[in-house]
Amino acid sequence: MQFEYTRRRSVRSPVTDAPTFRVGRLAASGQAETDVSHLIDRSYNYHSPRELHWHLADRLGLAPGAVSLRETVAAA
């Protein structure tokens, strides 16, 4: 499954002192783009796109290799 997400800036991690991000919008790509933001907790501070990738795979019960994730720029 192909997903696209927009990033919202968040806080620095108190554990790693690295920047984190929250997902602004999550969409399933295909013939018609579908907003699936409700599938995740958008208040969670992700440390990396890889963490979001694994979270999606786990949430959907898919093998990580079956999930494709791409960041898009939010429309202004």
Protein backbone atom coordinates (compact mmCIF):
# COMPACT_ATOMS: atom_id res chain seq x y z
CA MET A 1 0.00 0.00 0.00
CA GLN A 2 1.24 3.47 -0.89
CA PHE A 3 0.81 6.29 1.64
CA GLU A 4 1.62 9.97 1.49
CA TYR A 5 1.91 12.20 4.53
CA THR A 6 2.46 15.83 5.35
CA ARG A 7 4.66 16.76 8.25
CA ARG A 8 3.92 19.22 11.04
CA ARG A 9 6.76 20.39 13.19
CA SER A 10 6.69 19.24 16.79
CA VAL A 11 8.88 19.38 19.88
CA ARG A 12 12.41 18.12 20.44
CA SER A 13 12.56 14.68 22.02
CA PRO A 14 13.43 14.90 25.72
CA VAL A 15 15.18 11.54 25.42
CA THR A 16 17.31 11.99 22.28
CA ASP A 17 17.21 15.80 21.92
CA ALA A 18 16.35 15.22 18.25
CA PRO A 19 13.58 17.01 16.37
CA THR A 20 10.30 15.15 16.04
CA PHE A 21 7.28 15.65 13.81
CA ARG A 22 3.57 15.05 13.85
CA VAL A 23 1.58 13.91 10.87
CA GLY A 24 -0.61 16.66 9.45
CA ARG A 25 -2.39 14.46 6.91
CA LEU A 26 -2.08 10.83 5.89
CA ALA A 27 -3.49 9.68 2.57
CA ALA A 28 -3.63 6.32 0.82
CA SER A 29 -2.52 6.74 -2.76
CA GLY A 30 -4.14 4.99 -5.64
CA GLN A 31 -6.54 5.90 -8.38
CA ALA A 32 -8.30 8.19 -5.92
CA GLU A 33 -6.38 9.62 -2.97
CA THR A 34 -8.17 8.80 0.28
CA ASP A 35 -7.59 10.58 3.58
CA VAL A 36 -6.81 7.94 6.20
CA SER A 37 -5.51 10.25 8.94
CA HIS A 38 -7.98 8.68 11.35
CA LEU A 39 -5.92 5.45 11.34
CA ILE A 40 -3.13 6.97 13.43
CA ASP A 41 -2.76 9.15 16.51
CA ARG A 42 -1.87 12.51 14.97
CA SER A 43 -0.76 13.87 18.34
CA TYR A 44 2.13 11.38 18.48
CA ASN A 45 5.64 12.80 17.99
CA TYR A 46 7.43 10.62 15.43
CA HIS A 47 11.22 10.58 15.46
CA SER A 48 11.60 9.52 11.84
CA PRO A 49 9.66 8.54 8.73
CA ARG A 50 10.88 5.00 9.39
CA GLU A 51 9.05 4.98 12.71
CA LEU A 52 5.85 6.11 10.95
CA HIS A 53 6.38 3.41 8.31
CA TRP A 54 6.63 0.66 10.93
CA HIS A 55 3.69 2.07 12.87
CA LEU A 56 1.50 1.97 9.74
CA ALA A 57 2.52 -1.59 8.93
CA ASP A 58 1.73 -2.70 12.48
CA ARG A 59 -1.56 -0.79 12.60
CA LEU A 60 -2.73 -2.32 9.30
CA GLY A 61 -1.43 -5.82 10.02
CA LEU A 62 0.88 -5.73 6.98
CA ALA A 63 4.47 -6.72 6.46
CA PRO A 64 6.67 -3.59 6.50
CA GLY A 65 7.74 -4.37 2.93
CA ALA A 66 4.12 -4.07 1.79
CA VAL A 67 3.91 -0.44 2.95
CA SER A 68 5.37 2.41 0.92
CA LEU A 69 5.56 5.87 2.46
CA ARG A 70 6.30 9.22 0.85
CA GLU A 71 6.38 12.72 2.32
CA THR A 72 4.55 15.46 0.46
CA VAL A 73 4.60 19.20 0.97
CA ALA A 74 1.46 20.71 2.44
CA ALA A 75 -0.44 23.04 0.13
CA ALA A 76 -0.17 26.62 1.27
